[in-house]
Amino acid sequence: LWEFTSFNSILVIKMFNSMCIGLLGLGIYLLARRILTENFAIVAVILATLNPFIFLQSLEVSTETITATLFVYFIFLLTKVEFKSKGFLLGLTIIGLASIRPEYLFISATSIFLYYL
């Protein structure tokens, strides 16, 4: 992750982690909105983004926030109704997850297998 920044600044990584927290909140809202009312989905986003573990990880230089964000969108895409580019987007999220944390390759493959079983 450090190699993608051209400024070699920790501030860039911290800003990226904060953006990932925002995207994580959006993904949780989209997932929660499928089965909950809008008010409960907003409460779910507030509880998830104000979680001390997630908040503290966004202040450090780590990959937990981007991994959590990619995994939420992986689950969102996996459980979404079929659409034309679903396989392509799922593949991109799996590549992103596996390149950051290789153990997510096994988790995502198992999730796909169990979902279509």
C-alpha atoms as a PDB file:
ATOM      1  CA  LEU A   1       0.000   0.000   0.000  1.00  0.00           C
ATOM      2  CA  TRP A   2       2.895   2.306   0.772  1.00  0.00           C
ATOM      3  CA  GLU A   3       4.294   1.950  -2.760  1.00  0.00           C
ATOM      4  CA  PHE A   4       1.115   3.360  -4.333  1.00  0.00           C
ATOM      5  CA  THR A   5       1.637   6.790  -2.778  1.00  0.00           C
ATOM      6  CA  SER A   6       3.789   9.205  -4.705  1.00  0.00           C
ATOM      7  CA  PHE A   7       4.271  11.521  -1.745  1.00  0.00           C
ATOM      8  CA  ASN A   8       5.710   8.912   0.652  1.00  0.00           C
ATOM      9  CA  SER A   9       3.602  10.466   3.369  1.00  0.00           C
ATOM     10  CA  ILE A  10       1.782   8.773   6.212  1.00  0.00           C
ATOM     11  CA  LEU A  11      -0.916  11.435   5.882  1.00  0.00           C
ATOM     12  CA  VAL A  12      -1.895  10.044   2.455  1.00  0.00           C
ATOM     13  CA  ILE A  13      -2.360   6.565   3.926  1.00  0.00           C
ATOM     14  CA  LYS A  14      -4.401   7.936   6.831  1.00  0.00           C
ATOM     15  CA  MET A  15      -6.635   9.873   4.431  1.00  0.00           C
ATOM     16  CA  PHE A  16      -7.082   6.732   2.328  1.00  0.00           C
ATOM     17  CA  ASN A  17      -8.026   4.769   5.458  1.00  0.00           C
ATOM     18  CA  SER A  18     -10.586   7.441   6.354  1.00  0.00           C
ATOM     19  CA  MET A  19     -12.086   7.208   2.862  1.00  0.00           C
ATOM     20  CA  CYS A  20     -12.287   3.441   3.290  1.00  0.00           C
ATOM     21  CA  ILE A  21     -14.254   3.973   6.510  1.00  0.00           C
ATOM     22  CA  GLY A  22     -16.753   6.054   4.553  1.00  0.00           C
ATOM     23  CA  LEU A  23     -17.040   3.388   1.859  1.00  0.00           C
ATOM     24  CA  LEU A  24     -17.384   0.743   4.551  1.00  0.00           C
ATOM     25  CA  GLY A  25     -20.314   2.675   6.009  1.00  0.00           C
ATOM     26  CA  LEU A  26     -21.946   2.888   2.583  1.00  0.00           C
ATOM     27  CA  GLY A  27     -21.513  -0.849   2.023  1.00  0.00           C
ATOM     28  CA  ILE A  28     -22.979  -1.674   5.415  1.00  0.00           C
ATOM     29  CA  TYR A  29     -25.919   0.618   4.683  1.00  0.00           C
ATOM     30  CA  LEU A  30     -26.540  -1.100   1.336  1.00  0.00           C
ATOM     31  CA  LEU A  31     -26.426  -4.534   2.964  1.00  0.00           C
ATOM     32  CA  ALA A  32     -28.594  -3.529   5.934  1.00  0.00           C
ATOM     33  CA  ARG A  33     -31.131  -1.757   3.748  1.00  0.00           C
ATOM     34  CA  ARG A  34     -32.030  -5.046   2.076  1.00  0.00           C
ATOM     35  CA  ILE A  35     -33.624  -6.467   5.209  1.00  0.00           C
ATOM     36  CA  LEU A  36     -34.062  -3.493   7.555  1.00  0.00           C
ATOM     37  CA  THR A  37     -35.885  -0.191   7.433  1.00  0.00           C
ATOM     38  CA  GLU A  38     -33.940   2.947   6.579  1.00  0.00           C
ATOM     39  CA  ASN A  39     -33.694   4.077  10.217  1.00  0.00           C
ATOM     40  CA  PHE A  40     -32.291   0.737  11.369  1.00  0.00           C
ATOM     41  CA  ALA A  41     -29.837   0.713   8.466  1.00  0.00           C
ATOM     42  CA  ILE A  42     -28.568   4.135   9.549  1.00  0.00           C
ATOM     43  CA  VAL A  43     -28.192   2.883  13.133  1.00  0.00           C
ATOM     44  CA  ALA A  44     -26.211  -0.097  11.780  1.00  0.00           C
ATOM     45  CA  VAL A  45     -23.863   2.264   9.932  1.00  0.00           C
ATOM     46  CA  ILE A  46     -23.386   4.439  13.013  1.00  0.00           C
ATOM     47  CA  LEU A  47     -22.630   1.440  15.214  1.00  0.00           C
ATOM     48  CA  ALA A  48     -20.219  -0.009  12.658  1.00  0.00           C
ATOM     49  CA  THR A  49     -18.282   3.156  11.916  1.00  0.00           C
ATOM     50  CA  LEU A  50     -18.059   4.235  15.557  1.00  0.00           C
ATOM     51  CA  ASN A  51     -16.675   0.850  16.539  1.00  0.00           C
ATOM     52  CA  PRO A  52     -13.437   1.673  18.422  1.00  0.00           C
ATOM     53  CA  PHE A  53     -11.464  -1.050  16.639  1.00  0.00           C
ATOM     54  CA  ILE A  54     -12.397   0.238  13.181  1.00  0.00           C
ATOM     55  CA  PHE A  55     -11.903   3.871  14.196  1.00  0.00           C
ATOM     56  CA  LEU A  56      -8.467   3.261  15.730  1.00  0.00           C
ATOM     57  CA  GLN A  57      -7.341   1.235  12.717  1.00  0.00           C
ATOM     58  CA  SER A  58      -8.205   4.168  10.455  1.00  0.00           C
ATOM     59  CA  LEU A  59      -5.736   6.330  12.373  1.00  0.00           C
ATOM     60  CA  GLU A  60      -2.844   3.924  11.852  1.00  0.00           C
ATOM     61  CA  VAL A  61      -1.009   2.761   8.773  1.00  0.00           C
ATOM     62  CA  SER A  62      -2.621  -0.640   8.315  1.00  0.00           C
ATOM     63  CA  THR A  63      -4.687  -2.650   5.869  1.00  0.00           C
ATOM     64  CA  GLU A  64      -7.610  -3.523   8.133  1.00  0.00           C
ATOM     65  CA  THR A  65      -9.888  -0.775   6.819  1.00  0.00           C
ATOM     66  CA  ILE A  66      -9.421  -1.554   3.138  1.00  0.00           C
ATOM     67  CA  THR A  67      -9.777  -5.283   3.834  1.00  0.00           C
ATOM     68  CA  ALA A  68     -13.025  -4.752   5.740  1.00  0.00           C
ATOM     69  CA  THR A  69     -14.337  -2.477   2.990  1.00  0.00           C
ATOM     70  CA  LEU A  70     -13.500  -4.932   0.214  1.00  0.00           C
ATOM     71  CA  PHE A  71     -15.027  -7.816   2.158  1.00  0.00           C
ATOM     72  CA  VAL A  72     -18.297  -5.942   2.746  1.00  0.00           C
ATOM     73  CA  TYR A  73     -18.552  -5.172  -0.972  1.00  0.00           C
ATOM     74  CA  PHE A  74     -17.655  -8.789  -1.765  1.00  0.00           C
ATOM     75  CA  ILE A  75     -20.607  -9.957   0.344  1.00  0.00           C
ATOM     76  CA  PHE A  76     -22.809  -7.259  -1.178  1.00  0.00           C
ATOM     77  CA  LEU A  77     -21.953  -8.353  -4.719  1.00  0.00           C
ATOM     78  CA  LEU A  78     -22.196 -12.047  -3.901  1.00  0.00           C
ATOM     79  CA  THR A  79     -25.710 -11.756  -2.491  1.00  0.00           C
ATOM     80  CA  LYS A  80     -26.988  -9.245  -5.048  1.00  0.00           C
ATOM     81  CA  VAL A  81     -29.397 -10.331  -7.753  1.00  0.00           C
ATOM     82  CA  GLU A  82     -27.653 -11.451 -10.929  1.00  0.00           C
ATOM     83  CA  PHE A  83     -26.505  -8.680 -13.251  1.00  0.00           C
ATOM     84  CA  LYS A  84     -24.234  -8.488 -16.265  1.00  0.00           C
ATOM     85  CA  SER A  85     -20.890  -7.561 -14.693  1.00  0.00           C
ATOM     86  CA  LYS A  86     -21.342  -9.416 -11.380  1.00  0.00           C
ATOM     87  CA  GLY A  87     -18.591 -11.955 -12.078  1.00  0.00           C
ATOM     88  CA  PHE A  88     -16.133  -9.272 -13.147  1.00  0.00           C
ATOM     89  CA  LEU A  89     -16.737  -7.133 -10.047  1.00  0.00           C
ATOM     90  CA  LEU A  90     -16.570 -10.184  -7.775  1.00  0.00           C
ATOM     91  CA  GLY A  91     -13.273 -11.108  -9.406  1.00  0.00           C
ATOM     92  CA  LEU A  92     -11.874  -7.637  -8.786  1.00  0.00           C
ATOM     93  CA  THR A  93     -12.821  -7.727  -5.122  1.00  0.00           C
ATOM     94  CA  ILE A  94     -11.333 -11.222  -4.731  1.00  0.00           C
ATOM     95  CA  ILE A  95      -8.096 -10.077  -6.393  1.00  0.00           C
ATOM     96  CA  GLY A  96      -7.983  -7.046  -4.111  1.00  0.00           C
ATOM     97  CA  LEU A  97      -8.650  -9.125  -1.000  1.00  0.00           C
ATOM     98  CA  ALA A  98      -6.158 -11.845  -1.933  1.00  0.00           C
ATOM     99  CA  SER A  99      -3.418  -9.368  -2.802  1.00  0.00           C
ATOM    100  CA  ILE A 100      -3.773  -7.592   0.542  1.00  0.00           C
ATOM    101  CA  ARG A 101      -4.484 -10.625   2.742  1.00  0.00           C
ATOM    102  CA  PRO A 102      -3.910 -14.026   1.063  1.00  0.00           C
ATOM    103  CA  GLU A 103      -6.116 -15.858   3.590  1.00  0.00           C
ATOM    104  CA  TYR A 104      -9.142 -14.089   2.117  1.00  0.00           C
ATOM    105  CA  LEU A 105      -8.725 -16.177  -1.037  1.00  0.00           C
ATOM    106  CA  PHE A 106      -9.831 -19.215   0.956  1.00  0.00           C
ATOM    107  CA  ILE A 107     -12.579 -17.278   2.730  1.00  0.00           C
ATOM    108  CA  SER A 108     -13.986 -15.900  -0.519  1.00  0.00           C
ATOM    109  CA  ALA A 109     -13.762 -19.247  -2.330  1.00  0.00           C
ATOM    110  CA  THR A 110     -15.582 -20.943   0.549  1.00  0.00           C
ATOM    111  CA  SER A 111     -18.207 -18.186   0.604  1.00  0.00           C
ATOM    112  CA  ILE A 112     -18.872 -18.549  -3.116  1.00  0.00           C
ATOM    113  CA  PHE A 113     -19.078 -22.330  -2.815  1.00  0.00           C
ATOM    114  CA  LEU A 114     -21.512 -22.194   0.110  1.00  0.00           C
ATOM    115  CA  TYR A 115     -23.621 -19.480  -1.508  1.00  0.00           C
ATOM    116  CA  TYR A 116     -24.153 -21.438  -4.711  1.00  0.00           C
ATOM    117  CA  LEU A 117     -24.515 -24.809  -2.956  1.00  0.00           C
END
